[in-house]
PDB file of N, CA and C in Angstrom:
ATOM      1  N   MET A   1     -22.971 -10.002  37.487  1.00  0.00           N
ATOM      2  CA  MET A   1     -22.740 -11.246  36.809  1.00  0.00           C
ATOM      3  C   MET A   1     -21.971 -10.938  35.536  1.00  0.00           C
ATOM      4  N   PHE A   2     -21.154 -11.865  35.179  1.00  0.00           N
ATOM      5  CA  PHE A   2     -20.270 -11.749  34.030  1.00  0.00           C
ATOM      6  C   PHE A   2     -21.089 -12.027  32.778  1.00  0.00           C
ATOM      7  N   ASN A   3     -20.997 -11.124  31.810  1.00  0.00           N
ATOM      8  CA  ASN A   3     -21.737 -11.237  30.591  1.00  0.00           C
ATOM      9  C   ASN A   3     -20.799 -11.666  29.476  1.00  0.00           C
ATOM     10  N   PHE A   4     -20.970 -12.882  29.037  1.00  0.00           N
ATOM     11  CA  PHE A   4     -20.102 -13.467  27.993  1.00  0.00           C
ATOM     12  C   PHE A   4     -20.218 -12.786  26.643  1.00  0.00           C
ATOM     13  N   ASP A   5     -21.421 -12.298  26.332  1.00  0.00           N
ATOM     14  CA  ASP A   5     -21.658 -11.623  25.083  1.00  0.00           C
ATOM     15  C   ASP A   5     -20.841 -10.298  25.054  1.00  0.00           C
ATOM     16  N   ASP A   6     -20.843  -9.547  26.130  1.00  0.00           N
ATOM     17  CA  ASP A   6     -20.055  -8.302  26.177  1.00  0.00           C
ATOM     18  C   ASP A   6     -18.601  -8.631  26.135  1.00  0.00           C
ATOM     19  N   ALA A   7     -18.154  -9.615  26.817  1.00  0.00           N
ATOM     20  CA  ALA A   7     -16.737  -9.992  26.752  1.00  0.00           C
ATOM     21  C   ALA A   7     -16.326 -10.428  25.381  1.00  0.00           C
ATOM     22  N   ASN A   8     -17.193 -11.181  24.714  1.00  0.00           N
ATOM     23  CA  ASN A   8     -16.923 -11.592  23.354  1.00  0.00           C
ATOM     24  C   ASN A   8     -16.800 -10.386  22.402  1.00  0.00           C
ATOM     25  N   LYS A   9     -17.766  -9.451  22.542  1.00  0.00           N
ATOM     26  CA  LYS A   9     -17.756  -8.298  21.729  1.00  0.00           C
ATOM     27  C   LYS A   9     -16.528  -7.439  21.959  1.00  0.00           C
ATOM     28  N   LYS A  10     -16.119  -7.257  23.181  1.00  0.00           N
ATOM     29  CA  LYS A  10     -14.877  -6.459  23.482  1.00  0.00           C
ATOM     30  C   LYS A  10     -13.642  -7.174  22.951  1.00  0.00           C
ATOM     31  N   SER A  11     -13.573  -8.523  23.060  1.00  0.00           N
ATOM     32  CA  SER A  11     -12.473  -9.231  22.489  1.00  0.00           C
ATOM     33  C   SER A  11     -12.374  -9.068  21.012  1.00  0.00           C
ATOM     34  N   LYS A  12     -13.553  -9.158  20.292  1.00  0.00           N
ATOM     35  CA  LYS A  12     -13.552  -9.005  18.857  1.00  0.00           C
ATOM     36  C   LYS A  12     -13.118  -7.625  18.436  1.00  0.00           C
ATOM     37  N   GLU A  13     -13.585  -6.580  19.181  1.00  0.00           N
ATOM     38  CA  GLU A  13     -13.152  -5.226  18.883  1.00  0.00           C
ATOM     39  C   GLU A  13     -11.660  -5.062  19.041  1.00  0.00           C
ATOM     40  N   ALA A  14     -11.115  -5.614  20.152  1.00  0.00           N
ATOM     41  CA  ALA A  14      -9.706  -5.509  20.402  1.00  0.00           C
ATOM     42  C   ALA A  14      -8.860  -6.177  19.308  1.00  0.00           C
ATOM     43  N   ILE A  15      -9.331  -7.347  18.848  1.00  0.00           N
ATOM     44  CA  ILE A  15      -8.609  -8.044  17.779  1.00  0.00           C
ATOM     45  C   ILE A  15      -8.701  -7.227  16.487  1.00  0.00           C
ATOM     46  N   ASP A  16      -9.907  -6.698  16.203  1.00  0.00           N
ATOM     47  CA  ASP A  16     -10.027  -5.852  14.961  1.00  0.00           C
ATOM     48  C   ASP A  16      -9.088  -4.671  14.980  1.00  0.00           C
ATOM     49  N   VAL A  17      -8.999  -4.015  16.102  1.00  0.00           N
ATOM     50  CA  VAL A  17      -8.096  -2.856  16.233  1.00  0.00           C
ATOM     51  C   VAL A  17      -6.643  -3.296  16.084  1.00  0.00           C
ATOM     52  N   ALA A  18      -6.244  -4.369  16.649  1.00  0.00           N
ATOM     53  CA  ALA A  18      -4.896  -4.874  16.596  1.00  0.00           C
ATOM     54  C   ALA A  18      -4.575  -5.281  15.114  1.00  0.00           C
ATOM     55  N   VAL A  19      -5.495  -5.883  14.427  1.00  0.00           N
ATOM     56  CA  VAL A  19      -5.294  -6.272  13.068  1.00  0.00           C
ATOM     57  C   VAL A  19      -5.120  -5.003  12.169  1.00  0.00           C
ATOM     58  N   LYS A  20      -5.951  -3.996  12.382  1.00  0.00           N
ATOM     59  CA  LYS A  20      -5.827  -2.784  11.586  1.00  0.00           C
ATOM     60  C   LYS A  20      -4.457  -2.087  11.823  1.00  0.00           C
ATOM     61  N   SER A  21      -4.089  -2.072  13.089  1.00  0.00           N
ATOM     62  CA  SER A  21      -2.759  -1.483  13.463  1.00  0.00           C
ATOM     63  C   SER A  21      -1.612  -2.210  12.773  1.00  0.00           C
ATOM     64  N   TYR A  22      -1.688  -3.516  12.909  1.00  0.00           N
ATOM     65  CA  TYR A  22      -0.646  -4.388  12.311  1.00  0.00           C
ATOM     66  C   TYR A  22      -0.568  -4.231  10.788  1.00  0.00           C
ATOM     67  N   SER A  23      -1.744  -4.133  10.169  1.00  0.00           N
ATOM     68  CA  SER A  23      -1.810  -3.928   8.696  1.00  0.00           C
ATOM     69  C   SER A  23      -1.165  -2.583   8.296  1.00  0.00           C
ATOM     70  N   ALA A  24      -1.462  -1.521   9.058  1.00  0.00           N
ATOM     71  CA  ALA A  24      -0.788  -0.253   8.756  1.00  0.00           C
ATOM     72  C   ALA A  24       0.683  -0.267   8.999  1.00  0.00           C
ATOM     73  N   TRP A  25       1.070  -1.007  10.030  1.00  0.00           N
ATOM     74  CA  TRP A  25       2.539  -1.180  10.375  1.00  0.00           C
ATOM     75  C   TRP A  25       3.284  -1.939   9.256  1.00  0.00           C
ATOM     76  N   THR A  26       2.740  -3.002   8.797  1.00  0.00           N
ATOM     77  CA  THR A  26       3.392  -3.808   7.749  1.00  0.00           C
ATOM     78  C   THR A  26       3.463  -3.014   6.431  1.00  0.00           C
ATOM     79  N   LYS A  27       2.339  -2.329   6.066  1.00  0.00           N
ATOM     80  CA  LYS A  27       2.407  -1.537   4.814  1.00  0.00           C
ATOM     81  C   LYS A  27       3.411  -0.419   4.924  1.00  0.00           C
ATOM     82  N   GLY A  28       3.534   0.246   6.056  1.00  0.00           N
ATOM     83  CA  GLY A  28       4.483   1.313   6.271  1.00  0.00           C
ATOM     84  C   GLY A  28       5.879   0.799   6.201  1.00  0.00           C
ATOM     85  N   LEU A  29       6.162  -0.317   6.854  1.00  0.00           N
ATOM     86  CA  LEU A  29       7.592  -0.853   6.834  1.00  0.00           C
ATOM     87  C   LEU A  29       7.947  -1.331   5.428  1.00  0.00           C
ATOM     88  N   GLN A  30       6.947  -1.879   4.680  1.00  0.00           N
ATOM     89  CA  GLN A  30       7.232  -2.331   3.342  1.00  0.00           C
ATOM     90  C   GLN A  30       7.570  -1.113   2.468  1.00  0.00           C
ATOM     91  N   ALA A  31       6.874  -0.020   2.638  1.00  0.00           N
ATOM     92  CA  ALA A  31       7.123   1.222   1.860  1.00  0.00           C
ATOM     93  C   ALA A  31       8.497   1.767   2.205  1.00  0.00           C
ATOM     94  N   ILE A  32       8.878   1.763   3.473  1.00  0.00           N
ATOM     95  CA  ILE A  32      10.173   2.205   3.903  1.00  0.00           C
ATOM     96  C   ILE A  32      11.277   1.320   3.354  1.00  0.00           C
ATOM     97  N   ALA A  33      11.102   0.032   3.401  1.00  0.00           N
ATOM     98  CA  ALA A  33      12.075  -0.915   2.828  1.00  0.00           C
ATOM     99  C   ALA A  33      12.256  -0.703   1.334  1.00  0.00           C
ATOM    100  N   THR A  34      11.163  -0.510   0.680  1.00  0.00           N
ATOM    101  CA  THR A  34      11.227  -0.248  -0.790  1.00  0.00           C
ATOM    102  C   THR A  34      12.005   1.048  -1.097  1.00  0.00           C
ATOM    103  N   GLU A  35      11.700   2.031  -0.378  1.00  0.00           N
ATOM    104  CA  GLU A  35      12.376   3.361  -0.533  1.00  0.00           C
ATOM    105  C   GLU A  35      13.869   3.250  -0.296  1.00  0.00           C
ATOM    106  N   ALA A  36      14.217   2.523   0.770  1.00  0.00           N
ATOM    107  CA  ALA A  36      15.639   2.339   1.137  1.00  0.00           C
ATOM    108  C   ALA A  36      16.348   1.495   0.071  1.00  0.00           C
ATOM    109  N   ALA A  37      15.702   0.498  -0.434  1.00  0.00           N
ATOM    110  CA  ALA A  37      16.316  -0.307  -1.494  1.00  0.00           C
ATOM    111  C   ALA A  37      16.516   0.506  -2.767  1.00  0.00           C
ATOM    112  N   ASP A  38      15.522   1.309  -3.121  1.00  0.00           N
ATOM    113  CA  ASP A  38      15.624   2.132  -4.352  1.00  0.00           C
ATOM    114  C   ASP A  38      16.760   3.162  -4.179  1.00  0.00           C
ATOM    115  N   TYR A  39      16.849   3.754  -2.977  1.00  0.00           N
ATOM    116  CA  TYR A  39      17.965   4.676  -2.764  1.00  0.00           C
ATOM    117  C   TYR A  39      19.303   4.056  -2.856  1.00  0.00           C
ATOM    118  N   SER A  40      19.424   2.857  -2.246  1.00  0.00           N
ATOM    119  CA  SER A  40      20.689   2.107  -2.254  1.00  0.00           C
ATOM    120  C   SER A  40      21.118   1.771  -3.675  1.00  0.00           C
ATOM    121  N   LYS A  41      20.135   1.347  -4.462  1.00  0.00           N
ATOM    122  CA  LYS A  41      20.450   1.021  -5.882  1.00  0.00           C
ATOM    123  C   LYS A  41      20.906   2.229  -6.652  1.00  0.00           C
ATOM    124  N   LYS A  42      20.186   3.366  -6.440  1.00  0.00           N
ATOM    125  CA  LYS A  42      20.549   4.603  -7.152  1.00  0.00           C
ATOM    126  C   LYS A  42      21.917   5.092  -6.696  1.00  0.00           C
ATOM    127  N   SER A  43      22.192   5.057  -5.387  1.00  0.00           N
ATOM    128  CA  SER A  43      23.473   5.445  -4.851  1.00  0.00           C
ATOM    129  C   SER A  43      24.599   4.595  -5.426  1.00  0.00           C
ATOM    130  N   PHE A  44      24.433   3.339  -5.493  1.00  0.00           N
ATOM    131  CA  PHE A  44      25.419   2.412  -6.054  1.00  0.00           C
ATOM    132  C   PHE A  44      25.670   2.751  -7.528  1.00  0.00           C
ATOM    133  N   GLU A  45      24.596   2.911  -8.309  1.00  0.00           N
ATOM    134  CA  GLU A  45      24.770   3.246  -9.681  1.00  0.00           C
ATOM    135  C   GLU A  45      25.466   4.613  -9.892  1.00  0.00           C
ATOM    136  N   ASP A  46      25.114   5.548  -9.054  1.00  0.00           N
ATOM    137  CA  ASP A  46      25.799   6.857  -9.174  1.00  0.00           C
ATOM    138  C   ASP A  46      27.284   6.739  -8.790  1.00  0.00           C
ATOM    139  N   GLY A  47      27.592   5.905  -7.795  1.00  0.00           N
ATOM    140  CA  GLY A  47      28.988   5.641  -7.506  1.00  0.00           C
ATOM    141  C   GLY A  47      29.811   4.998  -8.640  1.00  0.00           C
ATOM    142  N   VAL A  48      29.151   4.024  -9.224  1.00  0.00           N
ATOM    143  CA  VAL A  48      29.858   3.405 -10.415  1.00  0.00           C
ATOM    144  C   VAL A  48      30.061   4.354 -11.509  1.00  0.00           C
ATOM    145  N   ALA A  49      29.047   5.167 -11.867  1.00  0.00           N
ATOM    146  CA  ALA A  49      29.193   6.145 -12.873  1.00  0.00           C
ATOM    147  C   ALA A  49      30.278   7.170 -12.574  1.00  0.00           C
ATOM    148  N   HIS A  50      30.345   7.524 -11.328  1.00  0.00           N
ATOM    149  CA  HIS A  50      31.436   8.494 -10.863  1.00  0.00           C
ATOM    150  C   HIS A  50      32.782   7.884 -11.059  1.00  0.00           C
ATOM    151  N   VAL A  51      32.975   6.705 -10.676  1.00  0.00           N
ATOM    152  CA  VAL A  51      34.284   6.014 -10.845  1.00  0.00           C
ATOM    153  C   VAL A  51      34.632   5.981 -12.344  1.00  0.00           C
ATOM    154  N   GLU A  52      33.674   5.702 -13.163  1.00  0.00           N
ATOM    155  CA  GLU A  52      33.955   5.668 -14.617  1.00  0.00           C
ATOM    156  C   GLU A  52      34.400   7.001 -15.114  1.00  0.00           C
ATOM    157  N   LYS A  53      33.750   8.064 -14.671  1.00  0.00           N
ATOM    158  CA  LYS A  53      34.096   9.419 -15.039  1.00  0.00           C
ATOM    159  C   LYS A  53      35.490   9.739 -14.473  1.00  0.00           C
ATOM    160  N   LEU A  54      35.768   9.345 -13.282  1.00  0.00           N
ATOM    161  CA  LEU A  54      36.986   9.612 -12.590  1.00  0.00           C
ATOM    162  C   LEU A  54      38.212   8.979 -13.318  1.00  0.00           C
ATOM    163  N   THR A  55      37.984   7.801 -13.854  1.00  0.00           N
ATOM    164  CA  THR A  55      39.113   7.117 -14.514  1.00  0.00           C
ATOM    165  C   THR A  55      39.448   7.770 -15.887  1.00  0.00           C
ATOM    166  N   SER A  56      38.574   8.577 -16.432  1.00  0.00           N
ATOM    167  CA  SER A  56      38.841   9.214 -17.745  1.00  0.00           C
ATOM    168  C   SER A  56      39.412  10.610 -17.610  1.00  0.00           C
ATOM    169  N   VAL A  57      39.522  11.086 -16.343  1.00  0.00           N
ATOM    170  CA  VAL A  57      40.019  12.424 -16.207  1.00  0.00           C
ATOM    171  C   VAL A  57      41.485  12.541 -16.436  1.00  0.00           C
ATOM    172  N   LYS A  58      41.977  13.670 -17.075  1.00  0.00           N
ATOM    173  CA  LYS A  58      43.340  13.775 -17.459  1.00  0.00           C
ATOM    174  C   LYS A  58      44.197  14.583 -16.422  1.00  0.00           C
ATOM    175  N   SER A  59      43.633  15.408 -15.580  1.00  0.00           N
ATOM    176  CA  SER A  59      44.388  16.211 -14.653  1.00  0.00           C
ATOM    177  C   SER A  59      43.902  16.010 -13.205  1.00  0.00           C
ATOM    178  N   VAL A  60      44.819  16.304 -12.299  1.00  0.00           N
ATOM    179  CA  VAL A  60      44.516  16.204 -10.843  1.00  0.00           C
ATOM    180  C   VAL A  60      43.433  17.218 -10.490  1.00  0.00           C
ATOM    181  N   GLU A  61      43.509  18.446 -11.024  1.00  0.00           N
ATOM    182  CA  GLU A  61      42.567  19.478 -10.738  1.00  0.00           C
ATOM    183  C   GLU A  61      41.134  19.069 -11.141  1.00  0.00           C
ATOM    184  N   ALA A  62      41.005  18.454 -12.318  1.00  0.00           N
ATOM    185  CA  ALA A  62      39.715  18.025 -12.815  1.00  0.00           C
ATOM    186  C   ALA A  62      39.194  16.863 -11.946  1.00  0.00           C
ATOM    187  N   ALA A  63      40.075  15.978 -11.545  1.00  0.00           N
ATOM    188  CA  ALA A  63      39.668  14.867 -10.657  1.00  0.00           C
ATOM    189  C   ALA A  63      39.228  15.402  -9.299  1.00  0.00           C
ATOM    190  N   PHE A  64      39.922  16.379  -8.850  1.00  0.00           N
ATOM    191  CA  PHE A  64      39.550  16.981  -7.518  1.00  0.00           C
ATOM    192  C   PHE A  64      38.190  17.657  -7.589  1.00  0.00           C
ATOM    193  N   GLU A  65      37.972  18.388  -8.678  1.00  0.00           N
ATOM    194  CA  GLU A  65      36.697  19.075  -8.904  1.00  0.00           C
ATOM    195  C   GLU A  65      35.561  18.098  -9.026  1.00  0.00           C
ATOM    196  N   LEU A  66      35.788  17.037  -9.788  1.00  0.00           N
ATOM    197  CA  LEU A  66      34.826  16.011 -10.009  1.00  0.00           C
ATOM    198  C   LEU A  66      34.456  15.283  -8.702  1.00  0.00           C
ATOM    199  N   GLN A  67      35.467  15.002  -7.931  1.00  0.00           N
ATOM    200  CA  GLN A  67      35.317  14.293  -6.620  1.00  0.00           C
ATOM    201  C   GLN A  67      34.550  15.227  -5.660  1.00  0.00           C
ATOM    202  N   THR A  68      34.888  16.486  -5.629  1.00  0.00           N
ATOM    203  CA  THR A  68      34.204  17.432  -4.751  1.00  0.00           C
ATOM    204  C   THR A  68      32.725  17.554  -5.089  1.00  0.00           C
ATOM    205  N   ASN A  69      32.411  17.662  -6.360  1.00  0.00           N
ATOM    206  CA  ASN A  69      31.013  17.743  -6.822  1.00  0.00           C
ATOM    207  C   ASN A  69      30.271  16.459  -6.454  1.00  0.00           C
ATOM    208  N   PHE A  70      30.889  15.282  -6.640  1.00  0.00           N
ATOM    209  CA  PHE A  70      30.253  14.056  -6.354  1.00  0.00           C
ATOM    210  C   PHE A  70      29.941  13.933  -4.859  1.00  0.00           C
ATOM    211  N   VAL A  71      30.925  14.265  -4.034  1.00  0.00           N
ATOM    212  CA  VAL A  71      30.694  14.182  -2.545  1.00  0.00           C
ATOM    213  C   VAL A  71      29.613  15.106  -2.125  1.00  0.00           C
ATOM    214  N   LYS A  72      29.640  16.369  -2.713  1.00  0.00           N
ATOM    215  CA  LYS A  72      28.605  17.286  -2.349  1.00  0.00           C
ATOM    216  C   LYS A  72      27.223  16.821  -2.709  1.00  0.00           C
ATOM    217  N   SER A  73      27.033  16.332  -4.006  1.00  0.00           N
ATOM    218  CA  SER A  73      25.750  15.827  -4.420  1.00  0.00           C
ATOM    219  C   SER A  73      25.293  14.581  -3.673  1.00  0.00           C
ATOM    220  N   SER A  74      26.259  13.708  -3.305  1.00  0.00           N
ATOM    221  CA  SER A  74      25.989  12.511  -2.556  1.00  0.00           C
ATOM    222  C   SER A  74      25.454  12.857  -1.160  1.00  0.00           C
ATOM    223  N   TYR A  75      26.115  13.801  -0.512  1.00  0.00           N
ATOM    224  CA  TYR A  75      25.716  14.221   0.835  1.00  0.00           C
ATOM    225  C   TYR A  75      24.296  14.871   0.758  1.00  0.00           C
ATOM    226  N   GLU A  76      24.086  15.722  -0.199  1.00  0.00           N
ATOM    227  CA  GLU A  76      22.744  16.353  -0.289  1.00  0.00           C
ATOM    228  C   GLU A  76      21.665  15.306  -0.569  1.00  0.00           C
ATOM    229  N   GLY A  77      21.997  14.330  -1.428  1.00  0.00           N
ATOM    230  CA  GLY A  77      20.991  13.257  -1.691  1.00  0.00           C
ATOM    231  C   GLY A  77      20.761  12.392  -0.478  1.00  0.00           C
ATOM    232  N   PHE A  78      21.808  12.150   0.304  1.00  0.00           N
ATOM    233  CA  PHE A  78      21.627  11.353   1.535  1.00  0.00           C
ATOM    234  C   PHE A  78      20.753  12.118   2.543  1.00  0.00           C
ATOM    235  N   VAL A  79      21.055  13.412   2.749  1.00  0.00           N
ATOM    236  CA  VAL A  79      20.243  14.169   3.728  1.00  0.00           C
ATOM    237  C   VAL A  79      18.782  14.216   3.265  1.00  0.00           C
ATOM    238  N   ALA A  80      18.560  14.370   1.970  1.00  0.00           N
ATOM    239  CA  ALA A  80      17.183  14.393   1.460  1.00  0.00           C
ATOM    240  C   ALA A  80      16.470  13.050   1.693  1.00  0.00           C
ATOM    241  N   GLU A  81      17.216  12.004   1.470  1.00  0.00           N
ATOM    242  CA  GLU A  81      16.641  10.618   1.625  1.00  0.00           C
ATOM    243  C   GLU A  81      16.429  10.326   3.126  1.00  0.00           C
ATOM    244  N   ALA A  82      17.344  10.734   3.966  1.00  0.00           N
ATOM    245  CA  ALA A  82      17.191  10.495   5.450  1.00  0.00           C
ATOM    246  C   ALA A  82      15.974  11.311   5.944  1.00  0.00           C
ATOM    247  N   THR A  83      15.784  12.463   5.459  1.00  0.00           N
ATOM    248  CA  THR A  83      14.634  13.293   5.854  1.00  0.00           C
ATOM    249  C   THR A  83      13.310  12.574   5.369  1.00  0.00           C
ATOM    250  N   LYS A  84      13.331  12.109   4.171  1.00  0.00           N
ATOM    251  CA  LYS A  84      12.157  11.449   3.585  1.00  0.00           C
ATOM    252  C   LYS A  84      11.788  10.158   4.398  1.00  0.00           C
ATOM    253  N   ILE A  85      12.817   9.389   4.702  1.00  0.00           N
ATOM    254  CA  ILE A  85      12.544   8.173   5.479  1.00  0.00           C
ATOM    255  C   ILE A  85      12.134   8.508   6.913  1.00  0.00           C
ATOM    256  N   GLY A  86      12.695   9.541   7.475  1.00  0.00           N
ATOM    257  CA  GLY A  86      12.262   9.936   8.808  1.00  0.00           C
ATOM    258  C   GLY A  86      10.766  10.344   8.811  1.00  0.00           C
ATOM    259  N   GLU A  87      10.343  11.060   7.794  1.00  0.00           N
ATOM    260  CA  GLU A  87       8.959  11.423   7.646  1.00  0.00           C
ATOM    261  C   GLU A  87       8.059  10.207   7.414  1.00  0.00           C
ATOM    262  N   MET A  88       8.622   9.213   6.697  1.00  0.00           N
ATOM    263  CA  MET A  88       7.824   7.962   6.545  1.00  0.00           C
ATOM    264  C   MET A  88       7.666   7.235   7.818  1.00  0.00           C
ATOM    265  N   TYR A  89       8.700   7.226   8.688  1.00  0.00           N
ATOM    266  CA  TYR A  89       8.578   6.581  10.010  1.00  0.00           C
ATOM    267  C   TYR A  89       7.520   7.312  10.875  1.00  0.00           C
ATOM    268  N   ALA A  90       7.515   8.645  10.798  1.00  0.00           N
ATOM    269  CA  ALA A  90       6.585   9.448  11.580  1.00  0.00           C
ATOM    270  C   ALA A  90       5.123   9.114  11.132  1.00  0.00           C
ATOM    271  N   ASP A  91       4.988   9.066   9.814  1.00  0.00           N
ATOM    272  CA  ASP A  91       3.618   8.707   9.260  1.00  0.00           C
ATOM    273  C   ASP A  91       3.253   7.308   9.606  1.00  0.00           C
ATOM    274  N   LEU A  92       4.197   6.406   9.661  1.00  0.00           N
ATOM    275  CA  LEU A  92       3.953   5.029  10.049  1.00  0.00           C
ATOM    276  C   LEU A  92       3.456   4.944  11.487  1.00  0.00           C
ATOM    277  N   ALA A  93       4.040   5.703  12.378  1.00  0.00           N
ATOM    278  CA  ALA A  93       3.619   5.714  13.777  1.00  0.00           C
ATOM    279  C   ALA A  93       2.211   6.256  13.894  1.00  0.00           C
ATOM    280  N   LYS A  94       1.923   7.330  13.123  1.00  0.00           N
ATOM    281  CA  LYS A  94       0.557   7.936  13.212  1.00  0.00           C
ATOM    282  C   LYS A  94      -0.457   6.958  12.674  1.00  0.00           C
ATOM    283  N   ASP A  95      -0.118   6.279  11.541  1.00  0.00           N
ATOM    284  CA  ASP A  95      -1.065   5.284  10.945  1.00  0.00           C
ATOM    285  C   ASP A  95      -1.276   4.083  11.824  1.00  0.00           C
ATOM    286  N   ALA A  96      -0.267   3.613  12.452  1.00  0.00           N
ATOM    287  CA  ALA A  96      -0.352   2.439  13.331  1.00  0.00           C
ATOM    288  C   ALA A  96      -1.144   2.719  14.597  1.00  0.00           C
ATOM    289  N   TYR A  97      -1.101   3.990  15.058  1.00  0.00           N
ATOM    290  CA  TYR A  97      -1.784   4.337  16.293  1.00  0.00           C
ATOM    291  C   TYR A  97      -3.283   4.739  15.981  1.00  0.00           C
ATOM    292  N   LYS A  98      -3.565   5.149  14.776  1.00  0.00           N
ATOM    293  CA  LYS A  98      -4.916   5.571  14.419  1.00  0.00           C
ATOM    294  C   LYS A  98      -6.013   4.634  14.803  1.00  0.00           C
ATOM    295  N   PRO A  99      -5.869   3.352  14.623  1.00  0.00           N
ATOM    296  CA  PRO A  99      -6.987   2.441  15.059  1.00  0.00           C
ATOM    297  C   PRO A  99      -7.275   2.428  16.559  1.00  0.00           C
ATOM    298  N   TYR A 100      -6.277   2.856  17.364  1.00  0.00           N
ATOM    299  CA  TYR A 100      -6.398   2.843  18.765  1.00  0.00           C
ATOM    300  C   TYR A 100      -7.013   4.166  19.336  1.00  0.00           C
ATOM    301  N   GLU A 101      -7.154   5.223  18.495  1.00  0.00           N
ATOM    302  CA  GLU A 101      -7.619   6.484  18.950  1.00  0.00           C
ATOM    303  C   GLU A 101      -9.048   6.373  19.533  1.00  0.00           C
ATOM    304  N   ALA A 102      -9.980   5.752  18.828  1.00  0.00           N
ATOM    305  CA  ALA A 102     -11.345   5.667  19.315  1.00  0.00           C
ATOM    306  C   ALA A 102     -11.429   4.886  20.596  1.00  0.00           C
ATOM    307  N   PRO A 103     -10.902   3.611  20.699  1.00  0.00           N
ATOM    308  CA  PRO A 103     -10.985   2.941  21.938  1.00  0.00           C
ATOM    309  C   PRO A 103     -10.363   3.636  23.123  1.00  0.00           C
ATOM    310  N   VAL A 104      -9.219   4.307  22.870  1.00  0.00           N
ATOM    311  CA  VAL A 104      -8.535   5.037  23.965  1.00  0.00           C
ATOM    312  C   VAL A 104      -9.420   6.216  24.459  1.00  0.00           C
ATOM    313  N   ALA A 105      -9.975   6.930  23.491  1.00  0.00           N
ATOM    314  CA  ALA A 105     -10.883   8.016  23.837  1.00  0.00           C
ATOM    315  C   ALA A 105     -12.119   7.557  24.579  1.00  0.00           C
ATOM    316  N   LYS A 106     -12.626   6.425  24.186  1.00  0.00           N
ATOM    317  CA  LYS A 106     -13.779   5.861  24.879  1.00  0.00           C
ATOM    318  C   LYS A 106     -13.431   5.429  26.321  1.00  0.00           C
ATOM    319  N   ALA A 107     -12.275   4.828  26.461  1.00  0.00           N
ATOM    320  CA  ALA A 107     -11.837   4.380  27.808  1.00  0.00           C
ATOM    321  C   ALA A 107     -11.522   5.598  28.679  1.00  0.00           C
ATOM    322  N   THR A 108     -10.943   6.666  28.126  1.00  0.00           N
ATOM    323  CA  THR A 108     -10.644   7.867  28.841  1.00  0.00           C
ATOM    324  C   THR A 108     -11.891   8.571  29.357  1.00  0.00           C
ATOM    325  N   ALA A 109     -12.906   8.573  28.424  1.00  0.00           N
ATOM    326  CA  ALA A 109     -14.212   9.179  28.827  1.00  0.00           C
ATOM    327  C   ALA A 109     -14.846   8.360  29.977  1.00  0.00           C
ATOM    328  N   ALA A 110     -14.750   7.055  29.874  1.00  0.00           N
ATOM    329  CA  ALA A 110     -15.323   6.207  30.923  1.00  0.00           C
ATOM    330  C   ALA A 110     -14.638   6.418  32.269  1.00  0.00           C
ATOM    331  N   VAL A 111     -13.328   6.585  32.240  1.00  0.00           N
ATOM    332  CA  VAL A 111     -12.596   6.806  33.497  1.00  0.00           C
ATOM    333  C   VAL A 111     -12.935   8.154  34.091  1.00  0.00           C
ATOM    334  N   LYS A 112     -13.005   9.186  33.139  1.00  0.00           N
ATOM    335  CA  LYS A 112     -13.395  10.497  33.646  1.00  0.00           C
ATOM    336  C   LYS A 112     -14.831  10.539  34.269  1.00  0.00           C
ATOM    337  N   ALA A 113     -15.722   9.811  33.661  1.00  0.00           N
ATOM    338  CA  ALA A 113     -17.071   9.713  34.163  1.00  0.00           C
ATOM    339  C   ALA A 113     -17.114   9.002  35.494  1.00  0.00           C
ATOM    340  N   ALA A 114     -16.381   7.953  35.626  1.00  0.00           N
ATOM    341  CA  ALA A 114     -16.300   7.205  36.876  1.00  0.00           C
ATOM    342  C   ALA A 114     -15.644   8.067  37.964  1.00  0.00           C
ATOM    343  N   ALA A 115     -14.668   8.828  37.595  1.00  0.00           N
ATOM    344  CA  ALA A 115     -14.014   9.748  38.587  1.00  0.00           C
ATOM    345  C   ALA A 115     -14.926  10.833  39.053  1.00  0.00           C
ATOM    346  N   ALA A 116     -15.712  11.353  38.087  1.00  0.00           N
ATOM    347  CA  ALA A 116     -16.618  12.444  38.429  1.00  0.00           C
ATOM    348  C   ALA A 116     -17.779  11.900  39.325  1.00  0.00           C
ATOM    349  N   ALA A 117     -18.189  10.618  39.121  1.00  0.00           N
ATOM    350  CA  ALA A 117     -19.271  10.050  39.929  1.00  0.00           C
ATOM    351  C   ALA A 117     -18.815   9.747  41.304  1.00  0.00           C
ATOM    352  N   ALA A 118     -17.502   9.563  41.512  1.00  0.00           N
ATOM    353  CA  ALA A 118     -17.018   9.184  42.794  1.00  0.00           C
ATOM    354  C   ALA A 118     -16.867  10.260  43.790  1.00  0.00           C
TER     355      ALA A 118
END
């Protein structure tokens, strides 16, 4: 016979897990968006400062050296930021999956028990 109390309990548990996962997902995406916006702002400000420095240079050699240093530091900053955001995405995936670990383990154990009994 179908037990409505058990079905209601399972539905509530499923909704709770989904809400926890969604909450972790939104917090993670918000942190990533904030980090990306901060990096974009800093990158733009660094670019403006570089152009100001570049306009005051008196020789081609000094301009070339200044440009080379700027490109090198910009590239290193980009790689560091891309690595950081990549790690943030990995952490986001772990945090969003975490609420599902217990129900999945419980279901896996139930399937293994049913398979062993058969």
